[in-house]
N, C-alpha and C. Protein backbone atom coordinates (compact mmCIF):
# COMPACT_ATOMS: atom_id res chain seq x y z
N MET A 1 43.74 -35.92 4.03
CA MET A 1 43.50 -35.39 3.10
C MET A 1 42.13 -34.37 3.37
N LYS A 2 40.98 -34.77 3.41
CA LYS A 2 40.30 -34.04 3.86
C LYS A 2 40.13 -32.57 4.11
N GLU A 3 41.14 -32.63 5.30
CA GLU A 3 41.73 -31.29 5.69
C GLU A 3 42.84 -30.40 4.73
N ILE A 4 43.02 -30.25 3.87
CA ILE A 4 43.59 -30.53 2.43
C ILE A 4 42.94 -29.84 1.32
N ASN A 5 41.84 -30.83 1.46
CA ASN A 5 40.94 -30.31 0.39
C ASN A 5 39.96 -29.06 0.67
N ALA A 6 39.98 -28.77 2.34
CA ALA A 6 39.17 -27.71 2.72
C ALA A 6 39.91 -26.87 2.74
N ILE A 7 41.32 -26.47 3.01
CA ILE A 7 42.02 -25.71 2.84
C ILE A 7 42.31 -25.01 1.17
N ILE A 8 42.22 -25.93 0.38
CA ILE A 8 42.24 -25.44 -0.93
C ILE A 8 41.37 -24.83 -1.35
N ASP A 9 39.46 -25.29 -0.56
CA ASP A 9 38.81 -25.25 -1.61
C ASP A 9 38.37 -23.56 -0.77
N ALA A 10 38.60 -23.21 0.33
CA ALA A 10 38.83 -22.07 0.95
C ALA A 10 39.34 -21.15 0.24
N SER A 11 40.96 -21.52 -0.09
CA SER A 11 41.77 -20.58 -0.38
C SER A 11 40.95 -20.23 -1.89
N ASP A 12 40.25 -21.41 -2.64
CA ASP A 12 39.42 -20.59 -3.94
C ASP A 12 38.57 -19.47 -3.75
N CYS A 13 38.01 -20.03 -2.32
CA CYS A 13 36.44 -19.28 -2.41
C CYS A 13 37.09 -17.44 -1.98
N LEU A 14 38.75 -17.14 -1.51
CA LEU A 14 39.21 -16.31 -1.06
C LEU A 14 39.72 -16.01 -2.31
N LEU A 15 40.12 -16.31 -3.36
CA LEU A 15 40.48 -16.06 -4.47
C LEU A 15 39.72 -15.18 -5.41
N ASN A 16 38.33 -15.98 -5.09
CA ASN A 16 37.12 -15.08 -6.31
C ASN A 16 36.39 -14.43 -4.72
N GLU A 17 37.05 -13.61 -3.95
CA GLU A 17 36.58 -12.92 -2.97
C GLU A 17 35.12 -13.43 -2.31
N ASN A 18 34.90 -14.52 -2.13
CA ASN A 18 33.45 -15.13 -1.62
C ASN A 18 33.77 -15.58 -0.23
N LEU A 19 33.86 -14.52 0.40
CA LEU A 19 34.32 -14.57 2.07
C LEU A 19 33.51 -15.86 3.13
N SER A 20 32.27 -15.50 2.66
CA SER A 20 31.55 -16.26 3.17
C SER A 20 31.28 -18.02 2.95
N GLU A 21 31.73 -18.08 1.79
CA GLU A 21 31.43 -19.52 1.72
C GLU A 21 32.97 -20.35 2.20
N ALA A 22 34.04 -19.25 2.10
CA ALA A 22 35.47 -19.48 2.50
C ALA A 22 35.22 -20.30 4.17
N LYS A 23 34.68 -19.34 4.84
CA LYS A 23 34.20 -19.07 6.08
C LYS A 23 33.35 -20.34 6.35
N ARG A 24 32.56 -21.03 5.62
CA ARG A 24 31.69 -21.92 5.79
C ARG A 24 32.41 -22.92 5.59
N THR A 25 33.10 -23.19 4.86
CA THR A 25 34.25 -24.59 4.08
C THR A 25 34.99 -24.43 5.22
N ILE A 26 35.65 -23.50 5.81
CA ILE A 26 36.65 -23.93 7.28
C ILE A 26 35.34 -24.48 8.30
N GLU A 27 34.84 -23.41 8.58
CA GLU A 27 33.95 -24.22 9.79
C GLU A 27 33.07 -25.66 9.33
N SER A 28 33.05 -25.74 8.59
CA SER A 28 32.37 -27.43 8.74
C SER A 28 33.32 -28.42 8.34
N ASN A 29 34.31 -27.89 7.83
CA ASN A 29 35.76 -29.22 7.27
C ASN A 29 36.86 -28.93 8.66
N LEU A 30 37.01 -28.01 9.10
CA LEU A 30 37.87 -27.68 10.10
C LEU A 30 37.78 -26.98 11.16
N PRO A 31 36.47 -27.38 11.83
CA PRO A 31 35.91 -26.83 13.32
C PRO A 31 37.31 -26.78 14.44
N HIS A 32 36.70 -25.29 15.01
CA HIS A 32 37.73 -24.79 15.92
C HIS A 32 37.29 -25.95 17.30
N ARG A 33 38.70 -26.24 17.58
CA ARG A 33 38.85 -26.70 19.50
C ARG A 33 39.13 -26.63 20.13
N VAL A 34 38.83 -26.23 21.13
CA VAL A 34 39.43 -25.23 22.40
C VAL A 34 39.96 -25.99 23.27
N ILE A 35 41.46 -26.16 23.42
CA ILE A 35 42.02 -27.07 24.41
C ILE A 35 42.64 -26.32 25.38
N LYS A 36 42.02 -26.98 26.59
CA LYS A 36 42.35 -26.32 27.94
C LYS A 36 43.48 -27.17 28.37
N TYR A 37 44.57 -25.74 28.90
CA TYR A 37 45.80 -25.80 29.63
C TYR A 37 46.02 -26.09 30.73
N HIS A 38 46.56 -26.72 31.80
CA HIS A 38 46.50 -26.43 33.04
C HIS A 38 47.62 -25.46 33.30
N LYS A 39 47.43 -24.66 33.81
CA LYS A 39 48.41 -23.48 34.36
C LYS A 39 49.05 -23.68 35.68
N ARG A 40 50.69 -23.81 35.47
CA ARG A 40 50.65 -23.87 37.10
C ARG A 40 50.88 -22.60 37.45
N GLN A 41 50.47 -22.52 38.70
CA GLN A 41 50.43 -21.44 39.49
C GLN A 41 51.42 -21.43 40.47
N MET A 42 52.69 -20.28 40.36
CA MET A 42 53.28 -19.89 40.99
C MET A 42 53.99 -19.26 42.06
N THR A 43 54.15 -19.13 42.99
CA THR A 43 54.12 -18.20 43.72
C THR A 43 55.66 -17.06 43.65
N ILE A 44 55.96 -15.85 43.76
CA ILE A 44 57.03 -14.63 43.67
C ILE A 44 58.31 -15.95 43.94
N ALA A 45 57.77 -15.99 44.82
CA ALA A 45 58.94 -17.19 46.33
C ALA A 45 59.27 -18.14 45.32
N GLU A 46 58.50 -18.77 44.57
CA GLU A 46 59.49 -20.05 43.92
C GLU A 46 59.47 -19.58 42.57
N LYS A 47 59.32 -18.77 41.89
CA LYS A 47 59.52 -18.06 40.43
C LYS A 47 60.95 -17.70 40.75
N LEU A 48 61.52 -17.09 42.07
CA LEU A 48 63.01 -16.65 42.46
C LEU A 48 63.89 -17.51 42.96
N SER A 49 63.08 -18.69 43.42
CA SER A 49 63.93 -19.77 43.57
C SER A 49 64.75 -20.18 42.26
N ILE A 50 63.66 -20.45 40.91
CA ILE A 50 64.22 -21.01 39.86
C ILE A 50 65.43 -20.43 39.16
N PHE A 51 64.47 -18.68 39.34
CA PHE A 51 65.85 -17.94 38.78
C PHE A 51 67.34 -17.81 39.34
N ILE A 52 67.20 -18.02 40.54
CA ILE A 52 68.06 -18.07 41.68
C ILE A 52 68.98 -19.72 40.89
N ARG A 53 68.26 -20.66 41.08
CA ARG A 53 68.63 -21.73 40.46
C ARG A 53 69.54 -22.31 38.81
N ASP A 54 69.18 -21.06 37.93
CA ASP A 54 69.21 -20.96 36.68
C ASP A 54 70.49 -19.63 36.74
N GLY A 55 70.75 -19.31 37.73
CA GLY A 55 71.81 -18.25 37.46
C GLY A 55 71.30 -16.87 36.94
N PHE A 56 69.98 -16.78 37.06
CA PHE A 56 69.56 -15.71 36.07
C PHE A 56 70.06 -15.60 34.68
N ILE A 57 69.76 -17.15 34.15
CA ILE A 57 69.97 -17.18 32.91
C ILE A 57 68.37 -17.59 31.91
N ASP A 58 68.47 -16.27 30.90
CA ASP A 58 66.95 -16.59 30.64
C ASP A 58 66.97 -18.30 29.53
N ARG A 59 66.43 -19.03 29.63
CA ARG A 59 66.41 -20.71 28.95
C ARG A 59 66.12 -20.37 27.62
N PHE A 60 65.72 -18.95 26.78
CA PHE A 60 65.09 -19.22 25.65
C PHE A 60 66.03 -18.64 25.12
N THR A 61 66.93 -17.22 25.69
CA THR A 61 68.19 -16.77 24.48
C THR A 61 69.53 -17.03 25.51
N GLY A 62 69.63 -17.52 26.60
CA GLY A 62 70.41 -17.87 26.95
C GLY A 62 71.30 -16.72 27.59
N GLU A 63 70.77 -15.62 27.33
CA GLU A 63 71.17 -14.10 28.09
C GLU A 63 71.11 -14.42 29.66
N LYS A 64 71.87 -13.45 29.59
CA LYS A 64 71.95 -13.21 31.70
C LYS A 64 70.60 -11.95 32.09
N LEU A 65 69.91 -12.71 32.84
CA LEU A 65 69.09 -11.36 33.07
C LEU A 65 69.43 -10.90 34.63
N VAL A 66 69.12 -9.20 34.86
CA VAL A 66 69.45 -8.84 35.78
C VAL A 66 68.06 -8.80 36.99
N PHE A 67 68.49 -9.40 37.97
CA PHE A 67 67.83 -9.83 39.15
C PHE A 67 66.69 -7.99 39.64
N PRO A 68 65.55 -8.37 39.29
CA PRO A 68 64.94 -6.74 39.09
C PRO A 68 64.81 -6.29 40.70
N ASN A 69 65.21 -6.64 41.96
CA ASN A 69 65.22 -6.25 42.89
C ASN A 69 66.67 -5.62 43.20
N VAL A 70 67.56 -5.63 42.51
CA VAL A 70 68.70 -5.42 42.38
C VAL A 70 68.60 -3.70 41.29
N LEU A 71 67.70 -3.86 40.49
CA LEU A 71 67.22 -2.76 39.77
C LEU A 71 66.91 -1.53 40.99
N ARG A 72 65.92 -2.11 41.43
CA ARG A 72 64.89 -1.25 42.30
C ARG A 72 65.86 -0.94 43.57
N ILE A 73 66.36 -1.41 43.75
CA ILE A 73 67.34 -0.51 44.78
C ILE A 73 68.46 0.39 44.38
N LEU A 74 68.98 -0.13 43.51
CA LEU A 74 69.78 1.36 42.64
C LEU A 74 69.34 1.92 42.47
N SER A 75 68.12 1.77 41.72
CA SER A 75 67.23 3.13 41.25
C SER A 75 66.86 4.21 42.70
N PHE A 76 66.70 3.67 43.84
CA PHE A 76 66.51 4.05 45.14
C PHE A 76 67.61 4.87 45.33
N HIS A 77 68.68 3.94 45.46
CA HIS A 77 70.28 4.96 45.76
C HIS A 77 70.63 5.98 45.17
N LEU A 78 70.39 5.83 43.45
CA LEU A 78 70.64 6.79 42.48
C LEU A 78 69.97 8.01 42.63
N GLN A 79 68.38 7.61 43.14
CA GLN A 79 67.21 8.95 43.28
C GLN A 79 67.94 9.37 44.76
N GLU A 80 68.32 9.29 44.99
CA GLU A 80 69.20 10.03 46.54
C GLU A 80 70.18 10.11 46.04
N ALA A 81 70.81 10.05 45.14
CA ALA A 81 72.30 10.82 44.71
C ALA A 81 71.79 12.16 43.75
N LEU A 82 70.96 11.83 43.34
CA LEU A 82 70.62 12.80 42.02
C LEU A 82 70.04 13.69 42.77
N ASP A 83 69.25 13.56 44.13
CA ASP A 83 68.31 14.97 44.75
C ASP A 83 69.42 15.40 45.65
């Protein structure tokens, strides 16, 4: 409930164009907390292994992805064909 009241008070301050009071209200009632995440470090080989395992399917969209090295090889061969 305290958080909701702080948001309402800050909103009222913003409506009255009192930016400093809105900022003070938010900072004192809803302090920003930094959350540290442990990021997993993966080698290129590990990433490639996962792409191969997943069949180059984007896990978010479900679309089939193109293996970047195939594009690189094609660009080399196409460049030679255009010369």
